[in-house]
Amino acid sequence: EIICLHIEKQIEAGADVIQIFDSWAGLLAKDDLDKYCYEPT
């Protein structure tokens, strides 16, 4: 919820492109990627 809000406010302020950093996605086992990495993003 808050990430969507934060990004929306950046776009309203003038951001033309957004990058989403999942810097620690590599900590997840393959079986957990869908629930914790893919789906939320």
Full PDB file with SEQRES, HELIX, SHEET, SSBOND, CRYST1, ORIGX, SCALE, CONECT and MASTER records, all heavy atoms in Angstrom:
SEQRES   1 A   41  GLU ILE ILE CYS LEU HIS ILE GLU LYS GLN ILE GLU ALA          
SEQRES   2 A   41  GLY ALA ASP VAL ILE GLN ILE PHE ASP SER TRP ALA GLY          
SEQRES   3 A   41  LEU LEU ALA LYS ASP ASP LEU ASP LYS TYR CYS TYR GLU          
SEQRES   4 A   41  PRO THR                                                      
HELIX    1 AA1 ILE A    2  ALA A   13  1                                  12    
HELIX    2 AA2 ALA A   25  LEU A   27  5                                   3    
HELIX    3 AA3 LYS A   30  LEU A   33  1                                   4    
HELIX    4 AA4 ASP A   34  TYR A   38  3                                   5    
CRYST1    1.000    1.000    1.000  90.00  90.00  90.00 P 1           1          
ORIGX1      1.000000  0.000000  0.000000        0.00000                         
ORIGX2      0.000000  1.000000  0.000000        0.00000                         
ORIGX3      0.000000  0.000000  1.000000        0.00000                         
SCALE1      1.000000  0.000000  0.000000        0.00000                         
SCALE2      0.000000  1.000000  0.000000        0.00000                         
SCALE3      0.000000  0.000000  1.000000        0.00000                         
ATOM      1  N   GLU A   1       0.833  -1.214   0.000  1.00  0.00           N  
ATOM      2  CA  GLU A   1       0.000   0.000   0.000  1.00  0.00           C  
ATOM      3  C   GLU A   1       0.869   1.266   0.000  1.00  0.00           C  
ATOM      4  O   GLU A   1       0.657   2.189  -0.792  1.00  0.00           O  
ATOM      5  CB  GLU A   1      -0.898  -0.027   1.249  1.00  0.00           C  
ATOM      6  CG  GLU A   1      -1.646   1.258   1.533  1.00  0.00           C  
ATOM      7  CD  GLU A   1      -2.064   1.365   3.000  1.00  0.00           C  
ATOM      8  OE1 GLU A   1      -2.327   0.315   3.648  1.00  0.00           O  
ATOM      9  OE2 GLU A   1      -2.114   2.494   3.506  1.00  0.00           O  
ATOM     10  N   ILE A   2       1.862   1.297   0.879  1.00  0.00           N  
ATOM     11  CA  ILE A   2       2.688   2.497   1.036  1.00  0.00           C  
ATOM     12  C   ILE A   2       3.647   2.669  -0.140  1.00  0.00           C  
ATOM     13  O   ILE A   2       3.907   3.806  -0.583  1.00  0.00           O  
ATOM     14  CB  ILE A   2       3.450   2.461   2.376  1.00  0.00           C  
ATOM     15  CG1 ILE A   2       2.463   2.605   3.544  1.00  0.00           C  
ATOM     16  CG2 ILE A   2       4.512   3.551   2.446  1.00  0.00           C  
ATOM     17  CD1 ILE A   2       1.724   3.950   3.606  1.00  0.00           C  
ATOM     18  N   ILE A   3       4.170   1.579  -0.676  1.00  0.00           N  
ATOM     19  CA  ILE A   3       5.051   1.674  -1.845  1.00  0.00           C  
ATOM     20  C   ILE A   3       4.287   2.283  -3.021  1.00  0.00           C  
ATOM     21  O   ILE A   3       4.803   3.164  -3.722  1.00  0.00           O  
ATOM     22  CB  ILE A   3       5.631   0.290  -2.216  1.00  0.00           C  
ATOM     23  CG1 ILE A   3       6.671  -0.142  -1.180  1.00  0.00           C  
ATOM     24  CG2 ILE A   3       6.275   0.321  -3.610  1.00  0.00           C  
ATOM     25  CD1 ILE A   3       7.076  -1.603  -1.272  1.00  0.00           C  
ATOM     26  N   CYS A   4       3.055   1.827  -3.235  1.00  0.00           N  
ATOM     27  CA  CYS A   4       2.235   2.395  -4.317  1.00  0.00           C  
ATOM     28  C   CYS A   4       2.021   3.890  -4.104  1.00  0.00           C  
ATOM     29  O   CYS A   4       2.149   4.691  -5.038  1.00  0.00           O  
ATOM     30  CB  CYS A   4       0.892   1.682  -4.406  1.00  0.00           C  
ATOM     31  SG  CYS A   4       0.984   0.032  -5.120  1.00  0.00           S  
ATOM     32  N   LEU A   5       1.730   4.280  -2.872  1.00  0.00           N  
ATOM     33  CA  LEU A   5       1.532   5.687  -2.547  1.00  0.00           C  
ATOM     34  C   LEU A   5       2.816   6.482  -2.784  1.00  0.00           C  
ATOM     35  O   LEU A   5       2.798   7.566  -3.394  1.00  0.00           O  
ATOM     36  CB  LEU A   5       1.083   5.822  -1.089  1.00  0.00           C  
ATOM     37  CG  LEU A   5       0.927   7.247  -0.544  1.00  0.00           C  
ATOM     38  CD1 LEU A   5      -0.185   7.982  -1.276  1.00  0.00           C  
ATOM     39  CD2 LEU A   5       0.654   7.215   0.955  1.00  0.00           C  
ATOM     40  N   HIS A   6       3.931   5.952  -2.302  1.00  0.00           N  
ATOM     41  CA  HIS A   6       5.233   6.611  -2.432  1.00  0.00           C  
ATOM     42  C   HIS A   6       5.591   6.818  -3.912  1.00  0.00           C  
ATOM     43  O   HIS A   6       6.062   7.889  -4.311  1.00  0.00           O  
ATOM     44  CB  HIS A   6       6.281   5.750  -1.728  1.00  0.00           C  
ATOM     45  CG  HIS A   6       7.648   6.353  -1.664  1.00  0.00           C  
ATOM     46  ND1 HIS A   6       7.881   7.666  -1.320  1.00  0.00           N  
ATOM     47  CD2 HIS A   6       8.882   5.811  -1.895  1.00  0.00           C  
ATOM     48  CE1 HIS A   6       9.189   7.910  -1.341  1.00  0.00           C  
ATOM     49  NE2 HIS A   6       9.804   6.810  -1.699  1.00  0.00           N  
ATOM     50  N   ILE A   7       5.342   5.802  -4.715  1.00  0.00           N  
ATOM     51  CA  ILE A   7       5.638   5.906  -6.151  1.00  0.00           C  
ATOM     52  C   ILE A   7       4.698   6.911  -6.815  1.00  0.00           C  
ATOM     53  O   ILE A   7       5.130   7.735  -7.634  1.00  0.00           O  
ATOM     54  CB  ILE A   7       5.544   4.521  -6.824  1.00  0.00           C  
ATOM     55  CG1 ILE A   7       6.709   3.629  -6.355  1.00  0.00           C  
ATOM     56  CG2 ILE A   7       5.560   4.644  -8.345  1.00  0.00           C  
ATOM     57  CD1 ILE A   7       6.635   2.189  -6.842  1.00  0.00           C  
ATOM     58  N   GLU A   8       3.424   6.859  -6.471  1.00  0.00           N  
ATOM     59  CA  GLU A   8       2.459   7.798  -7.050  1.00  0.00           C  
ATOM     60  C   GLU A   8       2.857   9.243  -6.758  1.00  0.00           C  
ATOM     61  O   GLU A   8       2.778  10.113  -7.632  1.00  0.00           O  
ATOM     62  CB  GLU A   8       1.052   7.522  -6.509  1.00  0.00           C  
ATOM     63  CG  GLU A   8       0.385   6.312  -7.147  1.00  0.00           C  
ATOM     64  CD  GLU A   8      -1.061   6.143  -6.704  1.00  0.00           C  
ATOM     65  OE1 GLU A   8      -1.571   7.037  -5.991  1.00  0.00           O  
ATOM     66  OE2 GLU A   8      -1.670   5.142  -7.089  1.00  0.00           O  
ATOM     67  N   LYS A   9       3.284   9.509  -5.526  1.00  0.00           N  
ATOM     68  CA  LYS A   9       3.685  10.868  -5.158  1.00  0.00           C  
ATOM     69  C   LYS A   9       4.948  11.302  -5.920  1.00  0.00           C  
ATOM     70  O   LYS A   9       5.093  12.479  -6.273  1.00  0.00           O  
ATOM     71  CB  LYS A   9       3.917  10.980  -3.648  1.00  0.00           C  
ATOM     72  CG  LYS A   9       2.680  10.757  -2.788  1.00  0.00           C  
ATOM     73  CD  LYS A   9       1.520  11.652  -3.150  1.00  0.00           C  
ATOM     74  CE  LYS A   9       1.760  13.106  -2.815  1.00  0.00           C  
ATOM     75  NZ  LYS A   9       0.579  13.959  -3.088  1.00  0.00           N  
ATOM     76  N   GLN A  10       5.845  10.356  -6.178  1.00  0.00           N  
ATOM     77  CA  GLN A  10       7.044  10.688  -6.960  1.00  0.00           C  
ATOM     78  C   GLN A  10       6.665  11.023  -8.401  1.00  0.00           C  
ATOM     79  O   GLN A  10       7.213  11.957  -9.004  1.00  0.00           O  
ATOM     80  CB  GLN A  10       8.029   9.515  -6.930  1.00  0.00           C  
ATOM     81  CG  GLN A  10       8.675   9.307  -5.563  1.00  0.00           C  
ATOM     82  CD  GLN A  10       9.655   8.159  -5.566  1.00  0.00           C  
ATOM     83  OE1 GLN A  10      10.752   8.268  -6.108  1.00  0.00           O  
ATOM     84  NE2 GLN A  10       9.273   7.038  -4.966  1.00  0.00           N  
ATOM     85  N   ILE A  11       5.712  10.263  -8.945  1.00  0.00           N  
ATOM     86  CA  ILE A  11       5.251  10.529 -10.315  1.00  0.00           C  
ATOM     87  C   ILE A  11       4.571  11.895 -10.390  1.00  0.00           C  
ATOM     88  O   ILE A  11       4.823  12.683 -11.301  1.00  0.00           O  
ATOM     89  CB  ILE A  11       4.309   9.404 -10.798  1.00  0.00           C  
ATOM     90  CG1 ILE A  11       5.088   8.087 -10.938  1.00  0.00           C  
ATOM     91  CG2 ILE A  11       3.652   9.770 -12.128  1.00  0.00           C  
ATOM     92  CD1 ILE A  11       4.206   6.857 -11.133  1.00  0.00           C  
ATOM     93  N   GLU A  12       3.729  12.181  -9.413  1.00  0.00           N  
ATOM     94  CA  GLU A  12       3.050  13.487  -9.367  1.00  0.00           C  
ATOM     95  C   GLU A  12       4.054  14.635  -9.272  1.00  0.00           C  
ATOM     96  O   GLU A  12       3.830  15.719  -9.812  1.00  0.00           O  
ATOM     97  CB  GLU A  12       2.091  13.539  -8.182  1.00  0.00           C  
ATOM     98  CG  GLU A  12       0.832  12.716  -8.370  1.00  0.00           C  
ATOM     99  CD  GLU A  12       0.001  12.622  -7.089  1.00  0.00           C  
ATOM    100  OE1 GLU A  12       0.233  13.452  -6.174  1.00  0.00           O  
ATOM    101  OE2 GLU A  12      -0.856  11.733  -7.004  1.00  0.00           O  
ATOM    102  N   ALA A  13       5.177  14.379  -8.597  1.00  0.00           N  
ATOM    103  CA  ALA A  13       6.201  15.415  -8.426  1.00  0.00           C  
ATOM    104  C   ALA A  13       7.037  15.616  -9.689  1.00  0.00           C  
ATOM    105  O   ALA A  13       7.733  16.630  -9.812  1.00  0.00           O  
ATOM    106  CB  ALA A  13       7.113  15.062  -7.251  1.00  0.00           C  
ATOM    107  N   GLY A  14       6.972  14.642 -10.611  1.00  0.00           N  
ATOM    108  CA  GLY A  14       7.714  14.818 -11.863  1.00  0.00           C  
ATOM    109  C   GLY A  14       8.570  13.642 -12.304  1.00  0.00           C  
ATOM    110  O   GLY A  14       9.244  13.728 -13.330  1.00  0.00           O  
ATOM    111  N   ALA A  15       8.574  12.550 -11.560  1.00  0.00           N  
ATOM    112  CA  ALA A  15       9.356  11.378 -11.984  1.00  0.00           C  
ATOM    113  C   ALA A  15       8.768  10.805 -13.267  1.00  0.00           C  
ATOM    114  O   ALA A  15       7.562  10.624 -13.383  1.00  0.00           O  
ATOM    115  CB  ALA A  15       9.373  10.324 -10.882  1.00  0.00           C  
ATOM    116  N   ASP A  16       9.644  10.544 -14.249  1.00  0.00           N  
ATOM    117  CA  ASP A  16       9.216  10.006 -15.548  1.00  0.00           C  
ATOM    118  C   ASP A  16       9.381   8.494 -15.620  1.00  0.00           C  
ATOM    119  O   ASP A  16       8.792   7.832 -16.475  1.00  0.00           O  
ATOM    120  CB  ASP A  16      10.059  10.601 -16.674  1.00  0.00           C  
ATOM    121  CG  ASP A  16      10.115  12.111 -16.618  1.00  0.00           C  
ATOM    122  OD1 ASP A  16       9.124  12.737 -16.998  1.00  0.00           O  
ATOM    123  OD2 ASP A  16      11.156  12.661 -16.197  1.00  0.00           O  
ATOM    124  N   VAL A  17      10.243   7.950 -14.772  1.00  0.00           N  
ATOM    125  CA  VAL A  17      10.560   6.523 -14.741  1.00  0.00           C  
ATOM    126  C   VAL A  17      10.682   6.128 -13.273  1.00  0.00           C  
ATOM    127  O   VAL A  17      11.120   6.928 -12.452  1.00  0.00           O  
ATOM    128  CB  VAL A  17      11.900   6.223 -15.466  1.00  0.00           C  
ATOM    129  CG1 VAL A  17      12.237   4.739 -15.412  1.00  0.00           C  
ATOM    130  CG2 VAL A  17      11.874   6.712 -16.910  1.00  0.00           C  
ATOM    131  N   ILE A  18      10.290   4.904 -12.951  1.00  0.00           N  
ATOM    132  CA  ILE A  18      10.424   4.393 -11.579  1.00  0.00           C  
ATOM    133  C   ILE A  18      11.227   3.101 -11.606  1.00  0.00           C  
ATOM    134  O   ILE A  18      11.037   2.254 -12.478  1.00  0.00           O  
ATOM    135  CB  ILE A  18       9.032   4.112 -10.953  1.00  0.00           C  
ATOM    136  CG1 ILE A  18       8.229   5.414 -10.788  1.00  0.00           C  
ATOM    137  CG2 ILE A  18       9.176   3.373  -9.618  1.00  0.00           C  
ATOM    138  CD1 ILE A  18       8.772   6.394  -9.769  1.00  0.00           C  
ATOM    139  N   GLN A  19      12.141   2.967 -10.653  1.00  0.00           N  
ATOM    140  CA  GLN A  19      12.846   1.694 -10.495  1.00  0.00           C  
ATOM    141  C   GLN A  19      12.474   1.093  -9.140  1.00  0.00           C  
ATOM    142  O   GLN A  19      12.442   1.803  -8.127  1.00  0.00           O  
ATOM    143  CB  GLN A  19      14.363   1.865 -10.574  1.00  0.00           C  
ATOM    144  CG  GLN A  19      15.117   0.578 -10.220  1.00  0.00           C  
ATOM    145  CD  GLN A  19      16.252   0.231 -11.164  1.00  0.00           C  
ATOM    146  OE1 GLN A  19      16.300   0.702 -12.292  1.00  0.00           O  
ATOM    147  NE2 GLN A  19      17.160  -0.594 -10.708  1.00  0.00           N  
ATOM    148  N   ILE A  20      12.182  -0.208  -9.136  1.00  0.00           N  
ATOM    149  CA  ILE A  20      11.880  -0.930  -7.898  1.00  0.00           C  
ATOM    150  C   ILE A  20      13.056  -1.858  -7.593  1.00  0.00           C  
ATOM    151  O   ILE A  20      13.368  -2.761  -8.371  1.00  0.00           O  
ATOM    152  CB  ILE A  20      10.572  -1.733  -8.021  1.00  0.00           C  
ATOM    153  CG1 ILE A  20       9.391  -0.776  -8.272  1.00  0.00           C  
ATOM    154  CG2 ILE A  20      10.322  -2.544  -6.744  1.00  0.00           C  
ATOM    155  CD1 ILE A  20       8.060  -1.471  -8.494  1.00  0.00           C  
ATOM    156  N   PHE A  21      13.711  -1.589  -6.477  1.00  0.00           N  
ATOM    157  CA  PHE A  21      14.906  -2.346  -6.085  1.00  0.00           C  
ATOM    158  C   PHE A  21      14.534  -3.487  -5.148  1.00  0.00           C  
ATOM    159  O   PHE A  21      14.113  -3.246  -4.020  1.00  0.00           O  
ATOM    160  CB  PHE A  21      15.895  -1.428  -5.357  1.00  0.00           C  
ATOM    161  CG  PHE A  21      16.578  -0.418  -6.231  1.00  0.00           C  
ATOM    162  CD1 PHE A  21      16.014   0.829  -6.455  1.00  0.00           C  
ATOM    163  CD2 PHE A  21      17.796  -0.703  -6.828  1.00  0.00           C  
ATOM    164  CE1 PHE A  21      16.641   1.777  -7.251  1.00  0.00           C  
ATOM    165  CE2 PHE A  21      18.444   0.225  -7.618  1.00  0.00           C  
ATOM    166  CZ  PHE A  21      17.861   1.468  -7.839  1.00  0.00           C  
ATOM    167  N   ASP A  22      14.691  -4.727  -5.614  1.00  0.00           N  
ATOM    168  CA  ASP A  22      14.570  -5.873  -4.706  1.00  0.00           C  
ATOM    169  C   ASP A  22      15.979  -6.393  -4.451  1.00  0.00           C  
ATOM    170  O   ASP A  22      16.382  -7.461  -4.922  1.00  0.00           O  
ATOM    171  CB  ASP A  22      13.658  -6.953  -5.303  1.00  0.00           C  
ATOM    172  CG  ASP A  22      12.878  -7.689  -4.218  1.00  0.00           C  
ATOM    173  OD1 ASP A  22      13.241  -7.543  -3.037  1.00  0.00           O  
ATOM    174  OD2 ASP A  22      11.922  -8.416  -4.544  1.00  0.00           O  
ATOM    175  N   SER A  23      16.721  -5.623  -3.685  1.00  0.00           N  
ATOM    176  CA  SER A  23      18.158  -5.855  -3.499  1.00  0.00           C  
ATOM    177  C   SER A  23      18.482  -7.189  -2.854  1.00  0.00           C  
ATOM    178  O   SER A  23      19.577  -7.724  -3.035  1.00  0.00           O  
ATOM    179  CB  SER A  23      18.750  -4.728  -2.645  1.00  0.00           C  
ATOM    180  OG  SER A  23      18.361  -3.478  -3.153  1.00  0.00           O  
ATOM    181  N   TRP A  24      17.524  -7.744  -2.072  1.00  0.00           N  
ATOM    182  CA  TRP A  24      17.793  -8.993  -1.350  1.00  0.00           C  
ATOM    183  C   TRP A  24      16.904 -10.147  -1.832  1.00  0.00           C  
ATOM    184  O   TRP A  24      16.702 -11.115  -1.119  1.00  0.00           O  
ATOM    185  CB  TRP A  24      17.645  -8.781   0.154  1.00  0.00           C  
ATOM    186  CG  TRP A  24      18.640  -7.794   0.673  1.00  0.00           C  
ATOM    187  CD1 TRP A  24      18.406  -6.537   1.125  1.00  0.00           C  
ATOM    188  CD2 TRP A  24      20.064  -7.979   0.755  1.00  0.00           C  
ATOM    189  NE1 TRP A  24      19.576  -5.917   1.487  1.00  0.00           N  
ATOM    190  CE2 TRP A  24      20.614  -6.781   1.265  1.00  0.00           C  
ATOM    191  CE3 TRP A  24      20.927  -9.034   0.431  1.00  0.00           C  
ATOM    192  CZ2 TRP A  24      21.982  -6.610   1.466  1.00  0.00           C  
ATOM    193  CZ3 TRP A  24      22.289  -8.859   0.638  1.00  0.00           C  
ATOM    194  CH2 TRP A  24      22.798  -7.661   1.149  1.00  0.00           C  
ATOM    195  N   ALA A  25      16.422 -10.042  -3.069  1.00  0.00           N  
ATOM    196  CA  ALA A  25      15.623 -11.137  -3.638  1.00  0.00           C  
ATOM    197  C   ALA A  25      16.426 -12.434  -3.691  1.00  0.00           C  
ATOM    198  O   ALA A  25      15.875 -13.529  -3.569  1.00  0.00           O  
ATOM    199  CB  ALA A  25      15.130 -10.760  -5.040  1.00  0.00           C  
ATOM    200  N   GLY A  26      17.730 -12.307  -3.844  1.00  0.00           N  
ATOM    201  CA  GLY A  26      18.599 -13.474  -3.940  1.00  0.00           C  
ATOM    202  C   GLY A  26      18.678 -14.297  -2.661  1.00  0.00           C  
ATOM    203  O   GLY A  26      19.209 -15.421  -2.676  1.00  0.00           O  
ATOM    204  N   LEU A  27      18.148 -13.784  -1.558  1.00  0.00           N  
ATOM    205  CA  LEU A  27      18.140 -14.551  -0.298  1.00  0.00           C  
ATOM    206  C   LEU A  27      17.051 -15.620  -0.296  1.00  0.00           C  
ATOM    207  O   LEU A  27      17.074 -16.535   0.537  1.00  0.00           O  
ATOM    208  CB  LEU A  27      17.896 -13.610   0.885  1.00  0.00           C  
ATOM    209  CG  LEU A  27      18.970 -12.553   1.169  1.00  0.00           C  
ATOM    210  CD1 LEU A  27      18.483 -11.606   2.257  1.00  0.00           C  
ATOM    211  CD2 LEU A  27      20.286 -13.201   1.569  1.00  0.00           C  
ATOM    212  N   LEU A  28      16.099 -15.489  -1.195  1.00  0.00           N  
ATOM    213  CA  LEU A  28      14.951 -16.400  -1.206  1.00  0.00           C  
ATOM    214  C   LEU A  28      15.249 -17.691  -1.958  1.00  0.00           C  
ATOM    215  O   LEU A  28      15.907 -17.684  -3.001  1.00  0.00           O  
ATOM    216  CB  LEU A  28      13.749 -15.716  -1.864  1.00  0.00           C  
ATOM    217  CG  LEU A  28      13.078 -14.611  -1.056  1.00  0.00           C  
ATOM    218  CD1 LEU A  28      12.239 -13.711  -1.955  1.00  0.00           C  
ATOM    219  CD2 LEU A  28      12.222 -15.207   0.063  1.00  0.00           C  
ATOM    220  N   ALA A  29      14.740 -18.800  -1.401  1.00  0.00           N  
ATOM    221  CA  ALA A  29      14.798 -20.071  -2.122  1.00  0.00           C  
ATOM    222  C   ALA A  29      13.860 -19.990  -3.327  1.00  0.00           C  
ATOM    223  O   ALA A  29      12.891 -19.215  -3.319  1.00  0.00           O  
ATOM    224  CB  ALA A  29      14.370 -21.217  -1.203  1.00  0.00           C  
ATOM    225  N   LYS A  30      14.125 -20.771  -4.340  1.00  0.00           N  
ATOM    226  CA  LYS A  30      13.311 -20.730  -5.561  1.00  0.00           C  
ATOM    227  C   LYS A  30      11.819 -20.891  -5.260  1.00  0.00           C  
ATOM    228  O   LYS A  30      10.982 -20.189  -5.826  1.00  0.00           O  
ATOM    229  CB  LYS A  30      13.777 -21.821  -6.530  1.00  0.00           C  
ATOM    230  CG  LYS A  30      13.039 -21.803  -7.867  1.00  0.00           C  
ATOM    231  CD  LYS A  30      13.599 -22.851  -8.810  1.00  0.00           C  
ATOM    232  CE  LYS A  30      12.789 -22.926 -10.102  1.00  0.00           C  
ATOM    233  NZ  LYS A  30      12.834 -21.711 -10.915  1.00  0.00           N  
ATOM    234  N   ASP A  31      11.490 -21.802  -4.335  1.00  0.00           N  
ATOM    235  CA  ASP A  31      10.078 -22.061  -4.013  1.00  0.00           C  
ATOM    236  C   ASP A  31       9.393 -20.888  -3.320  1.00  0.00           C  
ATOM    237  O   ASP A  31       8.163 -20.826  -3.263  1.00  0.00           O  
ATOM    238  CB  ASP A  31       9.952 -23.314  -3.131  1.00  0.00           C  
ATOM    239  CG  ASP A  31      10.272 -24.597  -3.896  1.00  0.00           C  
ATOM    240  OD1 ASP A  31      10.340 -24.525  -5.144  1.00  0.00           O  
ATOM    241  OD2 ASP A  31      10.458 -25.635  -3.249  1.00  0.00           O  
ATOM    242  N   ASP A  32      10.176 -19.971  -2.765  1.00  0.00           N  
ATOM    243  CA  ASP A  32       9.601 -18.826  -2.048  1.00  0.00           C  
ATOM    244  C   ASP A  32       9.551 -17.556  -2.907  1.00  0.00           C  
ATOM    245  O   ASP A  32       8.975 -16.547  -2.478  1.00  0.00           O  
ATOM    246  CB  ASP A  32      10.417 -18.528  -0.783  1.00  0.00           C  
ATOM    247  CG  ASP A  32      10.291 -19.643   0.250  1.00  0.00           C  
ATOM    248  OD1 ASP A  32       9.168 -20.152   0.413  1.00  0.00           O  
ATOM    249  OD2 ASP A  32      11.304 -19.986   0.876  1.00  0.00           O  
ATOM    250  N   LEU A  33      10.154 -17.590  -4.091  1.00  0.00           N  
ATOM    251  CA  LEU A  33      10.231 -16.385  -4.915  1.00  0.00           C  
ATOM    252  C   LEU A  33       8.849 -15.873  -5.320  1.00  0.00           C  
ATOM    253  O   LEU A  33       8.604 -14.671  -5.309  1.00  0.00           O  
ATOM    254  CB  LEU A  33      11.076 -16.649  -6.170  1.00  0.00           C  
ATOM    255  CG  LEU A  33      12.594 -16.621  -5.958  1.00  0.00           C  
ATOM    256  CD1 LEU A  33      13.313 -17.185  -7.185  1.00  0.00           C  
ATOM    257  CD2 LEU A  33      13.069 -15.200  -5.684  1.00  0.00           C  
ATOM    258  N   ASP A  34       7.961 -16.775  -5.657  1.00  0.00           N  
ATOM    259  CA  ASP A  34       6.649 -16.348  -6.137  1.00  0.00           C  
ATOM    260  C   ASP A  34       5.906 -15.533  -5.073  1.00  0.00           C  
ATOM    261  O   ASP A  34       5.410 -14.447  -5.349  1.00  0.00           O  
ATOM    262  CB  ASP A  34       5.814 -17.561  -6.570  1.00  0.00           C  
ATOM    263  CG  ASP A  34       4.535 -17.133  -7.270  1.00  0.00           C  
ATOM    264  OD1 ASP A  34       4.629 -16.512  -8.342  1.00  0.00           O  
ATOM    265  OD2 ASP A  34       3.442 -17.397  -6.740  1.00  0.00           O  
ATOM    266  N   LYS A  35       5.856 -16.054  -3.854  1.00  0.00           N  
ATOM    267  CA  LYS A  35       5.081 -15.406  -2.788  1.00  0.00           C  
ATOM    268  C   LYS A  35       5.714 -14.102  -2.307  1.00  0.00           C  
ATOM    269  O   LYS A  35       4.998 -13.125  -2.039  1.00  0.00           O  
ATOM    270  CB  LYS A  35       4.913 -16.364  -1.598  1.00  0.00           C  
ATOM    271  CG  LYS A  35       4.146 -15.739  -0.414  1.00  0.00           C  
ATOM    272  CD  LYS A  35       3.859 -16.744   0.667  1.00  0.00           C  
ATOM    273  CE  LYS A  35       3.259 -16.112   1.918  1.00  0.00           C  
ATOM    274  NZ  LYS A  35       2.017 -15.386   1.716  1.00  0.00           N  
ATOM    275  N   TYR A  36       7.026 -14.074  -2.196  1.00  0.00           N  
ATOM    276  CA  TYR A  36       7.666 -12.927  -1.549  1.00  0.00           C  
ATOM    277  C   TYR A  36       8.338 -11.939  -2.502  1.00  0.00           C  
ATOM    278  O   TYR A  36       8.577 -10.790  -2.120  1.00  0.00           O  
ATOM    279  CB  TYR A  36       8.687 -13.419  -0.524  1.00  0.00           C  
ATOM    280  CG  TYR A  36       8.047 -14.254   0.559  1.00  0.00           C  
ATOM    281  CD1 TYR A  36       8.232 -15.635   0.611  1.00  0.00           C  
ATOM    282  CD2 TYR A  36       7.216 -13.660   1.507  1.00  0.00           C  
ATOM    283  CE1 TYR A  36       7.620 -16.403   1.593  1.00  0.00           C  
ATOM    284  CE2 TYR A  36       6.601 -14.418   2.487  1.00  0.00           C  
ATOM    285  CZ  TYR A  36       6.801 -15.792   2.526  1.00  0.00           C  
ATOM    286  OH  TYR A  36       6.185 -16.545   3.494  1.00  0.00           O  
ATOM    287  N   CYS A  37       8.625 -12.383  -3.719  1.00  0.00           N  
ATOM    288  CA  CYS A  37       9.278 -11.500  -4.688  1.00  0.00           C  
ATOM    289  C   CYS A  37       8.347 -11.177  -5.852  1.00  0.00           C  
ATOM    290  O   CYS A  37       8.002 -10.010  -6.076  1.00  0.00           O  
ATOM    291  CB  CYS A  37      10.568 -12.151  -5.194  1.00  0.00           C  
ATOM    292  SG  CYS A  37      11.389 -11.239  -6.526  1.00  0.00           S  
ATOM    293  N   TYR A  38       7.911 -12.202  -6.589  1.00  0.00           N  
ATOM    294  CA  TYR A  38       7.127 -11.946  -7.805  1.00  0.00           C  
ATOM    295  C   TYR A  38       5.781 -11.282  -7.506  1.00  0.00           C  
ATOM    296  O   TYR A  38       5.454 -10.240  -8.063  1.00  0.00           O  
ATOM    297  CB  TYR A  38       6.861 -13.242  -8.575  1.00  0.00           C  
ATOM    298  CG  TYR A  38       8.066 -14.062  -8.949  1.00  0.00           C  
ATOM    299  CD1 TYR A  38       7.931 -15.418  -9.268  1.00  0.00           C  
ATOM    300  CD2 TYR A  38       9.351 -13.510  -9.005  1.00  0.00           C  
ATOM    301  CE1 TYR A  38       9.029 -16.195  -9.615  1.00  0.00           C  
ATOM    302  CE2 TYR A  38      10.454 -14.278  -9.347  1.00  0.00           C  
ATOM    303  CZ  TYR A  38      10.288 -15.629  -9.654  1.00  0.00           C  
ATOM    304  OH  TYR A  38      11.365 -16.399  -9.997  1.00  0.00           O  
ATOM    305  N   GLU A  39       4.978 -11.927  -6.649  1.00  0.00           N  
ATOM    306  CA  GLU A  39       3.593 -11.474  -6.453  1.00  0.00           C  
ATOM    307  C   GLU A  39       3.488 -10.063  -5.857  1.00  0.00           C  
ATOM    308  O   GLU A  39       2.717  -9.238  -6.352  1.00  0.00           O  
ATOM    309  CB  GLU A  39       2.798 -12.474  -5.607  1.00  0.00           C  
ATOM    310  CG  GLU A  39       2.091 -13.541  -6.429  1.00  0.00           C  
ATOM    311  CD  GLU A  39       1.194 -12.951  -7.523  1.00  0.00           C  
ATOM    312  OE1 GLU A  39       0.221 -12.243  -7.193  1.00  0.00           O  
ATOM    313  OE2 GLU A  39       1.479 -13.173  -8.709  1.00  0.00           O  
ATOM    314  N   PRO A  40       4.238  -9.746  -4.783  1.00  0.00           N  
ATOM    315  CA  PRO A  40       4.125  -8.384  -4.234  1.00  0.00           C  
ATOM    316  C   PRO A  40       4.498  -7.306  -5.258  1.00  0.00           C  
ATOM    317  O   PRO A  40       3.847  -6.265  -5.345  1.00  0.00           O  
ATOM    318  CB  PRO A  40       5.107  -8.400  -3.053  1.00  0.00           C  
ATOM    319  CG  PRO A  40       5.214  -9.830  -2.665  1.00  0.00           C  
ATOM    320  CD  PRO A  40       5.116 -10.595  -3.945  1.00  0.00           C  
ATOM    321  N   THR A  41       5.547  -7.580  -6.052  1.00  0.00           N  
ATOM    322  CA  THR A  41       5.970  -6.596  -7.049  1.00  0.00           C  
ATOM    323  C   THR A  41       4.968  -6.528  -8.192  1.00  0.00           C  
ATOM    324  O   THR A  41       4.667  -5.441  -8.707  1.00  0.00           O  
ATOM    325  CB  THR A  41       7.377  -6.929  -7.582  1.00  0.00           C  
ATOM    326  OG1 THR A  41       8.267  -7.098  -6.473  1.00  0.00           O  
ATOM    327  CG2 THR A  41       7.917  -5.817  -8.454  1.00  0.00           C  
TER     328      THR A  41                                                      
MASTER        0    0    0    4    0    0    0    6  327    1    0    4          
END                                                                             
